C-alpha atoms as a PDB file:
ATOM      1  CA  MET A   1      -7.627  34.572 -42.937  1.00  0.00           C
ATOM      2  CA  LYS A   2      -9.114  30.718 -44.353  1.00  0.00           C
ATOM      3  CA  LYS A   3     -13.079  30.935 -43.650  1.00  0.00           C
ATOM      4  CA  GLN A   4     -14.282  27.978 -41.960  1.00  0.00           C
ATOM      5  CA  THR A   5     -17.271  26.500 -43.566  1.00  0.00           C
ATOM      6  CA  SER A   6     -20.419  25.012 -42.379  1.00  0.00           C
ATOM      7  CA  ASN A   7     -21.108  21.172 -42.151  1.00  0.00           C
ATOM      8  CA  ILE A   8     -24.054  18.666 -40.899  1.00  0.00           C
ATOM      9  CA  ILE A   9     -23.762  15.435 -39.765  1.00  0.00           C
ATOM     10  CA  GLN A  10     -26.283  13.163 -37.744  1.00  0.00           C
ATOM     11  CA  LEU A  11     -25.951  10.737 -34.838  1.00  0.00           C
ATOM     12  CA  HIS A  12     -27.898   8.027 -34.089  1.00  0.00           C
ATOM     13  CA  PHE A  13     -28.371   6.654 -30.428  1.00  0.00           C
ATOM     14  CA  THR A  14     -30.918   3.260 -30.144  1.00  0.00           C
ATOM     15  CA  ASP A  15     -31.583   3.028 -26.536  1.00  0.00           C
ATOM     16  CA  ASN A  16     -34.330   5.926 -26.100  1.00  0.00           C
ATOM     17  CA  ASN A  17     -33.885   5.737 -22.315  1.00  0.00           C
ATOM     18  CA  LEU A  18     -30.209   6.162 -22.030  1.00  0.00           C
ATOM     19  CA  ALA A  19     -30.401   8.858 -25.162  1.00  0.00           C
ATOM     20  CA  ARG A  20     -32.767  11.018 -22.838  1.00  0.00           C
ATOM     21  CA  ASN A  21     -30.484  10.685 -19.802  1.00  0.00           C
ATOM     22  CA  LEU A  22     -27.523  11.724 -22.244  1.00  0.00           C
ATOM     23  CA  PHE A  23     -29.694  14.584 -23.554  1.00  0.00           C
ATOM     24  CA  GLY A  24     -30.643  15.741 -20.232  1.00  0.00           C
ATOM     25  CA  PRO A  25     -33.664  16.892 -18.921  1.00  0.00           C
ATOM     26  CA  GLU A  26     -35.539  19.524 -21.750  1.00  0.00           C
ATOM     27  CA  GLU A  27     -32.122  18.518 -23.751  1.00  0.00           C
ATOM     28  CA  SER A  28     -30.584  20.623 -21.546  1.00  0.00           C
ATOM     29  CA  HIS A  29     -27.049  19.075 -22.015  1.00  0.00           C
ATOM     30  CA  LEU A  30     -27.594  19.428 -25.657  1.00  0.00           C
ATOM     31  CA  ARG A  31     -27.832  23.188 -25.264  1.00  0.00           C
ATOM     32  CA  GLN A  32     -25.054  23.610 -23.172  1.00  0.00           C
ATOM     33  CA  LEU A  33     -22.963  21.956 -25.796  1.00  0.00           C
ATOM     34  CA  SER A  34     -24.834  24.495 -28.217  1.00  0.00           C
ATOM     35  CA  ASP A  35     -24.262  27.551 -26.382  1.00  0.00           C
ATOM     36  CA  GLN A  36     -20.706  26.469 -25.628  1.00  0.00           C
ATOM     37  CA  LEU A  37     -19.463  25.749 -28.946  1.00  0.00           C
ATOM     38  CA  GLY A  38     -21.742  27.653 -31.152  1.00  0.00           C
ATOM     39  CA  VAL A  39     -22.699  24.078 -32.701  1.00  0.00           C
ATOM     40  CA  GLU A  40     -27.020  23.676 -33.727  1.00  0.00           C
ATOM     41  CA  ILE A  41     -28.214  20.139 -32.615  1.00  0.00           C
ATOM     42  CA  HIS A  42     -31.278  19.239 -33.525  1.00  0.00           C
ATOM     43  CA  VAL A  43     -33.254  15.944 -32.394  1.00  0.00           C
ATOM     44  CA  ARG A  44     -35.558  13.676 -33.177  1.00  0.00           C
ATOM     45  CA  GLY A  45     -35.891  10.839 -31.131  1.00  0.00           C
ATOM     46  CA  GLY A  46     -32.675   9.234 -30.406  1.00  0.00           C
ATOM     47  CA  GLU A  47     -31.661  11.020 -33.607  1.00  0.00           C
ATOM     48  CA  ILE A  48     -29.505  14.223 -33.630  1.00  0.00           C
ATOM     49  CA  SER A  49     -28.140  16.467 -36.284  1.00  0.00           C
ATOM     50  CA  ILE A  50     -25.011  18.562 -35.846  1.00  0.00           C
ATOM     51  CA  ARG A  51     -24.134  21.920 -37.765  1.00  0.00           C
ATOM     52  CA  GLY A  52     -21.290  23.572 -37.419  1.00  0.00           C
ATOM     53  CA  ASP A  53     -17.517  23.829 -38.535  1.00  0.00           C
ATOM     54  CA  ASP A  54     -15.547  20.332 -38.465  1.00  0.00           C
ATOM     55  CA  GLU A  55     -13.472  21.477 -35.056  1.00  0.00           C
ATOM     56  CA  LYS A  56     -16.592  22.153 -33.098  1.00  0.00           C
ATOM     57  CA  ILE A  57     -18.480  19.344 -34.958  1.00  0.00           C
ATOM     58  CA  ARG A  58     -15.802  16.528 -34.082  1.00  0.00           C
ATOM     59  CA  LEU A  59     -15.523  17.895 -29.934  1.00  0.00           C
ATOM     60  CA  VAL A  60     -19.771  17.667 -30.093  1.00  0.00           C
ATOM     61  CA  LYS A  61     -19.364  14.115 -31.821  1.00  0.00           C
ATOM     62  CA  LYS A  62     -16.230  12.729 -28.749  1.00  0.00           C
ATOM     63  CA  VAL A  63     -18.416  14.028 -26.407  1.00  0.00           C
ATOM     64  CA  LEU A  64     -21.700  12.436 -26.543  1.00  0.00           C
ATOM     65  CA  THR A  65     -20.704   9.361 -28.031  1.00  0.00           C
ATOM     66  CA  GLN A  66     -18.276   8.721 -25.184  1.00  0.00           C
ATOM     67  CA  LEU A  67     -20.576   9.735 -22.573  1.00  0.00           C
ATOM     68  CA  TYR A  68     -23.393   7.305 -24.457  1.00  0.00           C
ATOM     69  CA  ASP A  69     -20.646   4.444 -24.321  1.00  0.00           C
ATOM     70  CA  MET A  70     -20.245   5.242 -20.650  1.00  0.00           C
ATOM     71  CA  LEU A  71     -23.992   5.184 -20.072  1.00  0.00           C
ATOM     72  CA  GLN A  72     -23.952   1.287 -21.589  1.00  0.00           C
ATOM     73  CA  LYS A  73     -21.518   0.668 -19.125  1.00  0.00           C
ATOM     74  CA  GLY A  74     -23.927   1.568 -16.226  1.00  0.00           C
ATOM     75  CA  TYR A  75     -22.256   4.967 -15.431  1.00  0.00           C
ATOM     76  CA  PRO A  76     -24.149   7.731 -15.128  1.00  0.00           C
ATOM     77  CA  VAL A  77     -24.245  11.677 -16.463  1.00  0.00           C
ATOM     78  CA  MET A  78     -24.703  13.592 -13.815  1.00  0.00           C
ATOM     79  CA  GLU A  79     -25.203  17.916 -14.186  1.00  0.00           C
ATOM     80  CA  GLY A  80     -21.384  19.574 -14.821  1.00  0.00           C
ATOM     81  CA  ASP A  81     -20.295  16.567 -16.686  1.00  0.00           C
ATOM     82  CA  ILE A  82     -20.734  18.170 -20.188  1.00  0.00           C
ATOM     83  CA  GLU A  83     -18.760  21.083 -19.247  1.00  0.00           C
ATOM     84  CA  ARG A  84     -16.121  18.652 -17.577  1.00  0.00           C
ATOM     85  CA  VAL A  85     -15.813  16.102 -20.277  1.00  0.00           C
ATOM     86  CA  LEU A  86     -15.443  19.259 -23.392  1.00  0.00           C
ATOM     87  CA  ARG A  87     -13.224  20.352 -20.693  1.00  0.00           C
ATOM     88  CA  ILE A  88     -11.026  17.050 -21.028  1.00  0.00           C
ATOM     89  CA  VAL A  89     -11.508  15.994 -24.591  1.00  0.00           C
ATOM     90  CA  ALA A  90     -11.141  20.175 -26.021  1.00  0.00           C
ATOM     91  CA  ASP A  91      -7.350  19.844 -23.850  1.00  0.00           C
ATOM     92  CA  ASP A  92      -6.666  16.247 -24.984  1.00  0.00           C
ATOM     93  CA  LYS A  93      -7.563  14.554 -28.648  1.00  0.00           C
ATOM     94  CA  GLU A  94      -6.771  11.551 -27.447  1.00  0.00           C
ATOM     95  CA  ALA A  95      -8.829  11.508 -24.096  1.00  0.00           C
ATOM     96  CA  SER A  96     -10.454   8.516 -23.386  1.00  0.00           C
ATOM     97  CA  LEU A  97     -13.389   8.373 -20.658  1.00  0.00           C
ATOM     98  CA  HIS A  98     -13.605   5.138 -20.574  1.00  0.00           C
ATOM     99  CA  GLU A  99      -9.446   4.682 -19.283  1.00  0.00           C
ATOM    100  CA  LEU A 100     -10.167   7.855 -16.624  1.00  0.00           C
ATOM    101  CA  PHE A 101     -13.677   5.811 -15.154  1.00  0.00           C
ATOM    102  CA  LEU A 102     -11.314   2.381 -14.538  1.00  0.00           C
ATOM    103  CA  ASP A 103     -10.204   3.763 -11.674  1.00  0.00           C
ATOM    104  CA  SER A 104     -13.816   3.576 -10.167  1.00  0.00           C
ATOM    105  CA  ILE A 105     -14.595   2.242  -6.603  1.00  0.00           C
ATOM    106  CA  ILE A 106     -17.613  -0.110  -5.969  1.00  0.00           C
ATOM    107  CA  ILE A 107     -18.910   0.142  -2.936  1.00  0.00           C
ATOM    108  CA  PRO A 108     -21.401  -2.820  -2.259  1.00  0.00           C
ATOM    109  CA  ALA A 109     -23.090  -1.863   0.206  1.00  0.00           C
ATOM    110  CA  LYS A 110     -25.327   0.597  -1.648  1.00  0.00           C
ATOM    111  CA  LYS A 111     -24.187  -1.090  -5.124  1.00  0.00           C
ATOM    112  CA  LYS A 112     -22.751   2.522  -6.136  1.00  0.00           C
ATOM    113  CA  VAL A 113     -19.894   3.353  -7.889  1.00  0.00           C
ATOM    114  CA  ILE A 114     -17.495   6.174  -7.537  1.00  0.00           C
ATOM    115  CA  TYR A 115     -15.387   7.060 -10.028  1.00  0.00           C
ATOM    116  CA  PRO A 116     -13.115   9.790 -10.851  1.00  0.00           C
ATOM    117  CA  LYS A 117     -13.864  12.869 -13.446  1.00  0.00           C
ATOM    118  CA  THR A 118     -10.935  14.337 -14.317  1.00  0.00           C
ATOM    119  CA  PRO A 119      -7.154  12.987 -15.217  1.00  0.00           C
ATOM    120  CA  GLY A 120      -6.315  14.836 -11.952  1.00  0.00           C
ATOM    121  CA  GLN A 121      -9.247  13.345  -9.651  1.00  0.00           C
ATOM    122  CA  LYS A 122      -7.288   9.828 -11.379  1.00  0.00           C
ATOM    123  CA  ASP A 123      -3.574  10.377 -10.342  1.00  0.00           C
ATOM    124  CA  TYR A 124      -5.329  11.373  -6.500  1.00  0.00           C
ATOM    125  CA  LEU A 125      -7.146   7.906  -6.744  1.00  0.00           C
ATOM    126  CA  LYS A 126      -3.400   5.754  -7.751  1.00  0.00           C
ATOM    127  CA  ALA A 127      -1.474   7.784  -5.300  1.00  0.00           C
ATOM    128  CA  ILE A 128      -3.883   6.947  -2.529  1.00  0.00           C
ATOM    129  CA  MET A 129      -3.087   3.272  -3.557  1.00  0.00           C
ATOM    130  CA  LYS A 130       0.476   3.829  -4.280  1.00  0.00           C
ATOM    131  CA  ASN A 131       1.618   5.306  -1.437  1.00  0.00           C
ATOM    132  CA  ASP A 132       1.121   4.942   2.583  1.00  0.00           C
ATOM    133  CA  VAL A 133       0.711   8.993   3.214  1.00  0.00           C
ATOM    134  CA  VAL A 134      -0.828  10.633   0.219  1.00  0.00           C
ATOM    135  CA  PHE A 135      -1.350  14.557   0.840  1.00  0.00           C
ATOM    136  CA  GLY A 136      -4.150  15.993  -1.466  1.00  0.00           C
ATOM    137  CA  ILE A 137      -4.395  19.904  -1.928  1.00  0.00           C
ATOM    138  CA  GLY A 138      -6.679  21.780  -3.472  1.00  0.00           C
ATOM    139  CA  PRO A 139      -9.440  24.464  -3.988  1.00  0.00           C
ATOM    140  CA  ALA A 140     -12.873  23.191  -2.363  1.00  0.00           C
ATOM    141  CA  GLY A 141     -15.478  20.990  -4.717  1.00  0.00           C
ATOM    142  CA  THR A 142     -12.347  18.667  -5.766  1.00  0.00           C
ATOM    143  CA  GLY A 143     -13.454  15.529  -4.693  1.00  0.00           C
ATOM    144  CA  LYS A 144     -10.793  15.688  -2.329  1.00  0.00           C
ATOM    145  CA  THR A 145     -12.058  14.399   1.004  1.00  0.00           C
ATOM    146  CA  TYR A 146     -14.871  12.717  -0.629  1.00  0.00           C
ATOM    147  CA  LEU A 147     -12.808  10.310  -2.773  1.00  0.00           C
ATOM    148  CA  ALA A 148     -10.545   9.543   0.149  1.00  0.00           C
ATOM    149  CA  MET A 149     -13.569   8.432   2.164  1.00  0.00           C
ATOM    150  CA  ALA A 150     -14.681   6.463  -0.974  1.00  0.00           C
ATOM    151  CA  ARG A 151     -11.507   4.964  -1.159  1.00  0.00           C
ATOM    152  CA  ALA A 152     -11.462   4.059   3.168  1.00  0.00           C
ATOM    153  CA  VAL A 153     -15.296   2.709   2.998  1.00  0.00           C
ATOM    154  CA  SER A 154     -14.064   0.556  -0.245  1.00  0.00           C
ATOM    155  CA  CYS A 155     -11.298  -0.903   1.254  1.00  0.00           C
ATOM    156  CA  LEU A 156     -12.991  -1.646   4.850  1.00  0.00           C
ATOM    157  CA  LEU A 157     -15.919  -3.358   2.952  1.00  0.00           C
ATOM    158  CA  LYS A 158     -12.940  -5.643   1.457  1.00  0.00           C
ATOM    159  CA  GLY A 159     -11.096  -6.299   4.527  1.00  0.00           C
ATOM    160  CA  ASP A 160      -8.404  -4.568   3.338  1.00  0.00           C
ATOM    161  CA  CYS A 161      -8.033  -2.718   6.980  1.00  0.00           C
ATOM    162  CA  GLU A 162      -9.676  -2.983  10.392  1.00  0.00           C
ATOM    163  CA  ARG A 163     -11.261   0.537  10.516  1.00  0.00           C
ATOM    164  CA  ILE A 164     -11.128   3.770   9.618  1.00  0.00           C
ATOM    165  CA  ILE A 165     -10.277   6.797  11.210  1.00  0.00           C
ATOM    166  CA  LEU A 166     -12.014  10.412   9.670  1.00  0.00           C
ATOM    167  CA  THR A 167     -10.768  13.700  11.841  1.00  0.00           C
ATOM    168  CA  ARG A 168     -10.279  17.393  11.335  1.00  0.00           C
ATOM    169  CA  PRO A 169      -9.291  20.499  13.661  1.00  0.00           C
ATOM    170  CA  ALA A 170     -12.303  21.738  15.399  1.00  0.00           C
ATOM    171  CA  ILE A 171     -12.810  25.575  15.094  1.00  0.00           C
ATOM    172  CA  GLU A 172     -10.763  27.366  13.819  1.00  0.00           C
ATOM    173  CA  ALA A 173      -7.719  24.681  14.665  1.00  0.00           C
ATOM    174  CA  GLY A 174      -7.754  25.992  17.981  1.00  0.00           C
ATOM    175  CA  GLU A 175     -10.061  23.363  19.525  1.00  0.00           C
ATOM    176  CA  LYS A 176     -10.871  26.011  22.063  1.00  0.00           C
ATOM    177  CA  LEU A 177     -14.376  24.073  22.959  1.00  0.00           C
ATOM    178  CA  GLY A 178     -15.064  25.134  26.540  1.00  0.00           C
ATOM    179  CA  PHE A 179     -16.704  28.332  25.458  1.00  0.00           C
ATOM    180  CA  LEU A 180     -19.050  26.483  23.638  1.00  0.00           C
ATOM    181  CA  PRO A 181     -22.534  25.018  24.763  1.00  0.00           C
ATOM    182  CA  GLY A 182     -23.523  21.321  25.544  1.00  0.00           C
ATOM    183  CA  ASP A 183     -21.298  18.200  26.759  1.00  0.00           C
ATOM    184  CA  LEU A 184     -17.981  17.002  24.264  1.00  0.00           C
ATOM    185  CA  VAL A 185     -20.428  15.655  21.778  1.00  0.00           C
ATOM    186  CA  GLU A 186     -22.830  18.131  21.163  1.00  0.00           C
ATOM    187  CA  LYS A 187     -19.575  20.577  20.767  1.00  0.00           C
ATOM    188  CA  VAL A 188     -17.690  18.768  18.441  1.00  0.00           C
ATOM    189  CA  ASN A 189     -20.078  17.350  16.217  1.00  0.00           C
ATOM    190  CA  PRO A 190     -20.674  20.736  14.484  1.00  0.00           C
ATOM    191  CA  TYR A 191     -17.419  20.563  13.182  1.00  0.00           C
ATOM    192  CA  LEU A 192     -17.488  16.430  12.227  1.00  0.00           C
ATOM    193  CA  ARG A 193     -21.044  16.811  10.550  1.00  0.00           C
ATOM    194  CA  PRO A 194     -19.400  16.857   6.637  1.00  0.00           C
ATOM    195  CA  LEU A 195     -17.104  14.041   7.310  1.00  0.00           C
ATOM    196  CA  TYR A 196     -20.592  12.260   8.790  1.00  0.00           C
ATOM    197  CA  ASP A 197     -22.709  13.411   5.972  1.00  0.00           C
ATOM    198  CA  ALA A 198     -19.870  11.823   3.110  1.00  0.00           C
ATOM    199  CA  LEU A 199     -19.563   8.463   5.397  1.00  0.00           C
ATOM    200  CA  HIS A 200     -23.953   8.450   5.183  1.00  0.00           C
ATOM    201  CA  ASP A 201     -23.682   9.172   1.134  1.00  0.00           C
ATOM    202  CA  MET A 202     -21.592   6.037   0.896  1.00  0.00           C
ATOM    203  CA  LEU A 203     -23.310   4.030   3.463  1.00  0.00           C
ATOM    204  CA  ASP A 204     -27.339   3.171   4.944  1.00  0.00           C
ATOM    205  CA  PHE A 205     -27.701   5.123   7.802  1.00  0.00           C
ATOM    206  CA  ASP A 206     -28.378   1.513   9.362  1.00  0.00           C
ATOM    207  CA  LYS A 207     -24.990  -0.099   8.804  1.00  0.00           C
ATOM    208  CA  ALA A 208     -23.106   3.132   9.525  1.00  0.00           C
ATOM    209  CA  LYS A 209     -24.392   3.287  12.765  1.00  0.00           C
ATOM    210  CA  LYS A 210     -23.649  -0.036  13.237  1.00  0.00           C
ATOM    211  CA  MET A 211     -19.941   0.316  12.273  1.00  0.00           C
ATOM    212  CA  LEU A 212     -19.565   3.573  14.058  1.00  0.00           C
ATOM    213  CA  GLU A 213     -21.123   1.675  17.048  1.00  0.00           C
ATOM    214  CA  ARG A 214     -18.314  -1.212  16.856  1.00  0.00           C
ATOM    215  CA  GLY A 215     -15.613   1.193  16.462  1.00  0.00           C
ATOM    216  CA  GLU A 216     -14.765   0.090  12.958  1.00  0.00           C
ATOM    217  CA  ILE A 217     -15.608   3.900  11.903  1.00  0.00           C
ATOM    218  CA  GLU A 218     -14.237   6.478  14.438  1.00  0.00           C
ATOM    219  CA  VAL A 219     -15.276  10.394  13.397  1.00  0.00           C
ATOM    220  CA  ALA A 220     -13.398  12.436  16.122  1.00  0.00           C
ATOM    221  CA  PRO A 221     -11.571  15.762  16.221  1.00  0.00           C
ATOM    222  CA  LEU A 222      -7.946  15.944  15.565  1.00  0.00           C
ATOM    223  CA  ALA A 223      -7.330  16.266  19.680  1.00  0.00           C
ATOM    224  CA  PHE A 224      -8.324  12.699  20.036  1.00  0.00           C
ATOM    225  CA  MET A 225      -5.269  11.563  18.547  1.00  0.00           C
ATOM    226  CA  ARG A 226      -3.112  12.535  20.486  1.00  0.00           C
ATOM    227  CA  GLY A 227      -1.175   9.590  22.254  1.00  0.00           C
ATOM    228  CA  ARG A 228      -2.158   6.789  20.100  1.00  0.00           C
ATOM    229  CA  THR A 229      -0.717   4.330  17.506  1.00  0.00           C
ATOM    230  CA  LEU A 230      -2.970   4.423  14.681  1.00  0.00           C
ATOM    231  CA  ASN A 231      -2.544   0.421  13.728  1.00  0.00           C
ATOM    232  CA  ASP A 232      -4.060  -1.191  10.560  1.00  0.00           C
ATOM    233  CA  ALA A 233      -6.559   1.469   9.460  1.00  0.00           C
ATOM    234  CA  PHE A 234      -7.234   3.976   7.305  1.00  0.00           C
ATOM    235  CA  VAL A 235      -6.790   7.257   8.147  1.00  0.00           C
ATOM    236  CA  ILE A 236      -8.404  10.653   6.937  1.00  0.00           C
ATOM    237  CA  LEU A 237      -6.901  14.195   8.110  1.00  0.00           C
ATOM    238  CA  ASP A 238      -9.589  16.637   6.238  1.00  0.00           C
ATOM    239  CA  GLU A 239      -8.951  20.652   6.902  1.00  0.00           C
ATOM    240  CA  ALA A 240      -5.332  20.226   7.554  1.00  0.00           C
ATOM    241  CA  GLN A 241      -4.457  23.627   6.557  1.00  0.00           C
ATOM    242  CA  ASN A 242      -6.002  24.591  10.027  1.00  0.00           C
ATOM    243  CA  CYS A 243      -3.269  22.304  11.765  1.00  0.00           C
ATOM    244  CA  THR A 244      -0.144  24.204  13.635  1.00  0.00           C
ATOM    245  CA  ARG A 245       2.758  22.748  12.698  1.00  0.00           C
ATOM    246  CA  GLU A 246       2.775  21.099  16.106  1.00  0.00           C
ATOM    247  CA  GLN A 247      -0.760  19.177  15.353  1.00  0.00           C
ATOM    248  CA  MET A 248       0.360  18.084  12.078  1.00  0.00           C
ATOM    249  CA  LYS A 249       3.691  16.350  13.700  1.00  0.00           C
ATOM    250  CA  MET A 250       1.250  14.433  16.636  1.00  0.00           C
ATOM    251  CA  PHE A 251      -1.184  13.365  13.797  1.00  0.00           C
ATOM    252  CA  LEU A 252       1.821  11.797  11.483  1.00  0.00           C
ATOM    253  CA  THR A 253       3.489  10.070  14.257  1.00  0.00           C
ATOM    254  CA  ARG A 254       0.749   8.790  15.256  1.00  0.00           C
ATOM    255  CA  ILE A 255       1.251   6.029  12.088  1.00  0.00           C
ATOM    256  CA  GLY A 256       1.205   2.217  12.630  1.00  0.00           C
ATOM    257  CA  GLN A 257       1.527  -1.048  10.640  1.00  0.00           C
ATOM    258  CA  LYS A 258      -0.144  -1.195   8.059  1.00  0.00           C
ATOM    259  CA  SER A 259      -2.214   2.193   8.100  1.00  0.00           C
ATOM    260  CA  ARG A 260      -2.867   4.289   5.071  1.00  0.00           C
ATOM    261  CA  VAL A 261      -3.228   7.895   5.863  1.00  0.00           C
ATOM    262  CA  VAL A 262      -4.862  10.912   3.342  1.00  0.00           C
ATOM    263  CA  VAL A 263      -4.370  14.399   4.402  1.00  0.00           C
ATOM    264  CA  THR A 264      -6.398  16.981   2.784  1.00  0.00           C
ATOM    265  CA  GLY A 265      -6.385  20.562   2.698  1.00  0.00           C
ATOM    266  CA  ASP A 266      -7.026  24.026   0.963  1.00  0.00           C
ATOM    267  CA  ILE A 267      -3.898  26.267   1.583  1.00  0.00           C
ATOM    268  CA  THR A 268      -5.942  29.347   0.547  1.00  0.00           C
ATOM    269  CA  GLN A 269      -8.264  29.193   3.193  1.00  0.00           C
ATOM    270  CA  ILE A 270      -6.367  28.754   6.205  1.00  0.00           C
ATOM    271  CA  ASP A 271      -8.326  30.416   9.004  1.00  0.00           C
ATOM    272  CA  LEU A 272      -5.100  30.352  11.784  1.00  0.00           C
ATOM    273  CA  PRO A 273      -3.915  33.317  13.718  1.00  0.00           C
ATOM    274  CA  ARG A 274      -1.592  34.970  11.335  1.00  0.00           C
ATOM    275  CA  GLU A 275       1.839  34.412  14.075  1.00  0.00           C
ATOM    276  CA  LYS A 276       0.752  30.110  13.625  1.00  0.00           C
ATOM    277  CA  GLN A 277       2.056  28.730  10.687  1.00  0.00           C
ATOM    278  CA  SER A 278      -0.541  26.054   8.853  1.00  0.00           C
ATOM    279  CA  GLY A 279       0.946  23.394   9.702  1.00  0.00           C
ATOM    280  CA  LEU A 280      -0.350  21.854   6.523  1.00  0.00           C
ATOM    281  CA  VAL A 281       2.152  24.021   4.392  1.00  0.00           C
ATOM    282  CA  HIS A 282       5.504  23.717   6.739  1.00  0.00           C
ATOM    283  CA  ALA A 283       4.336  19.368   5.869  1.00  0.00           C
ATOM    284  CA  LEU A 284       4.607  20.527   1.710  1.00  0.00           C
ATOM    285  CA  LYS A 285       8.146  21.701   2.715  1.00  0.00           C
ATOM    286  CA  ILE A 286       9.894  19.233   4.841  1.00  0.00           C
ATOM    287  CA  LEU A 287       8.351  16.296   3.636  1.00  0.00           C
ATOM    288  CA  LYS A 288       8.425  16.314   0.136  1.00  0.00           C
ATOM    289  CA  ASN A 289      11.643  13.992  -0.231  1.00  0.00           C
ATOM    290  CA  ILE A 290      10.255  11.416   1.987  1.00  0.00           C
ATOM    291  CA  PRO A 291       9.765   8.080   0.352  1.00  0.00           C
ATOM    292  CA  GLY A 292       6.343   6.382   0.869  1.00  0.00           C
ATOM    293  CA  ILE A 293       4.892  10.210   1.218  1.00  0.00           C
ATOM    294  CA  ALA A 294       3.100  11.739  -1.666  1.00  0.00           C
ATOM    295  CA  PHE A 295       2.393  15.261  -2.768  1.00  0.00           C
ATOM    296  CA  HIS A 296      -1.280  15.937  -4.853  1.00  0.00           C
ATOM    297  CA  TYR A 297      -2.392  19.035  -6.274  1.00  0.00           C
ATOM    298  CA  LEU A 298      -5.687  19.477  -7.459  1.00  0.00           C
ATOM    299  CA  THR A 299      -6.805  22.399  -9.415  1.00  0.00           C
ATOM    300  CA  ASP A 300      -9.860  24.681 -10.700  1.00  0.00           C
ATOM    301  CA  GLN A 301     -10.243  21.535 -13.323  1.00  0.00           C
ATOM    302  CA  ASP A 302     -11.220  19.304 -10.942  1.00  0.00           C
ATOM    303  CA  VAL A 303     -13.938  21.102  -9.293  1.00  0.00           C
ATOM    304  CA  MET A 304     -16.958  18.807  -9.039  1.00  0.00           C
ATOM    305  CA  ARG A 305     -19.380  21.130  -7.848  1.00  0.00           C
ATOM    306  CA  HIS A 306     -21.693  24.124  -9.375  1.00  0.00           C
ATOM    307  CA  THR A 307     -19.578  25.106 -12.186  1.00  0.00           C
ATOM    308  CA  LEU A 308     -20.274  28.394 -11.066  1.00  0.00           C
ATOM    309  CA  VAL A 309     -17.730  27.446  -7.973  1.00  0.00           C
ATOM    310  CA  ARG A 310     -14.921  26.797 -10.521  1.00  0.00           C
ATOM    311  CA  ASP A 311     -15.815  30.696 -11.493  1.00  0.00           C
ATOM    312  CA  ILE A 312     -15.663  32.020  -8.033  1.00  0.00           C
ATOM    313  CA  ILE A 313     -11.907  30.132  -7.153  1.00  0.00           C
ATOM    314  CA  LEU A 314     -10.895  31.467 -10.171  1.00  0.00           C
ATOM    315  CA  ALA A 315     -12.230  35.137  -9.331  1.00  0.00           C
ATOM    316  CA  TYR A 316     -10.699  34.706  -6.248  1.00  0.00           C
ATOM    317  CA  GLU A 317      -7.537  33.763  -7.272  1.00  0.00           C
ATOM    318  CA  GLU A 318      -6.968  36.815 -10.178  1.00  0.00           C
ATOM    319  CA  ASP A 319      -7.568  38.848  -6.927  1.00  0.00           C
ATOM    320  CA  HIS A 320      -5.076  37.126  -4.714  1.00  0.00           C
ATOM    321  CA  GLN A 321      -2.735  37.509  -7.935  1.00  0.00           C
ATOM    322  CA  LYS A 322      -3.087  41.469  -8.349  1.00  0.00           C
ATOM    323  CA  GLU A 323      -2.733  42.264  -4.560  1.00  0.00           C
ATOM    324  CA  ASN A 324       0.519  40.720  -4.662  1.00  0.00           C
ATOM    325  CA  PHE A 325       1.266  42.571  -7.978  1.00  0.00           C
ATOM    326  CA  TYR A 326       0.417  46.218  -6.780  1.00  0.00           C
ATOM    327  CA  LYS A 327       2.119  44.964  -2.657  1.00  0.00           C
ATOM    328  CA  LYS A 328       5.138  44.330  -5.102  1.00  0.00           C
ATOM    329  CA  GLU A 329       5.042  47.523  -7.241  1.00  0.00           C
ATOM    330  CA  ALA A 330       4.622  49.377  -3.968  1.00  0.00           C
ATOM    331  CA  VAL A 331       7.993  48.292  -1.949  1.00  0.00           C
END
């Protein structure tokens, strides 16, 4: 077995403010790289030295130099980016973060830049731009709804559509709101809250409020879509795994001229009664060969929330596979 030799290189970052962002609070980003790759990293001002075997040094250098380049272009480095970028460059030696971030979405109302952070997210955004109807399927935290909403807000502000319609099934897809206290708005608001939260992350509260009042943005439960024709709109159906077959058919047949539709859902978290088939699962089977409809699958590799979320998803997937194995063995 060939013995690996330990080498050392120096990297120098001229802008101290950007270097501090790159290194992380109390150099936490560098410690993360050191722990994951087993290299030694020492800092002096904007200069660092890296000691380890050649391949691991190469990975550290690529992660840091590419992230520093993105910082210079105005893209912030957030918590969790180090692990994601390390995963990308480890899987693909030719990976370019610059090319990945080219598909950024500019939200002028908040001077905000939203960009895909994984190849899967980049392909998802491309699919939204190329197709009239896109199904985004994946686990929690992969940015399915957030990226779709960012694209919708960008289109509305640029005049590419007249309105945004955000909808989701309420309360276990049955929409049995009569049992809840309060008027209709009070009943449905808790189930629409995640959509409002994402919207306010992209638009100032007052601007969002005015657009909602003018009908330029509409947030409503899925039942409100019945009998309507949705023309010149960017429509997002969230939590679609909790639609019934009938609800999904109703929704998809609302599509009007010059409209774009994104349907998002996680088929591993279906809350429907056992006797009801998910409209999302059914749609994946019967619509896959229709031109203009795209299906994009995001995975645990695209999770953008706390790094523990990815590990939790993998643990549940492993447990599910074991259950299926034992069921087959018992037959």
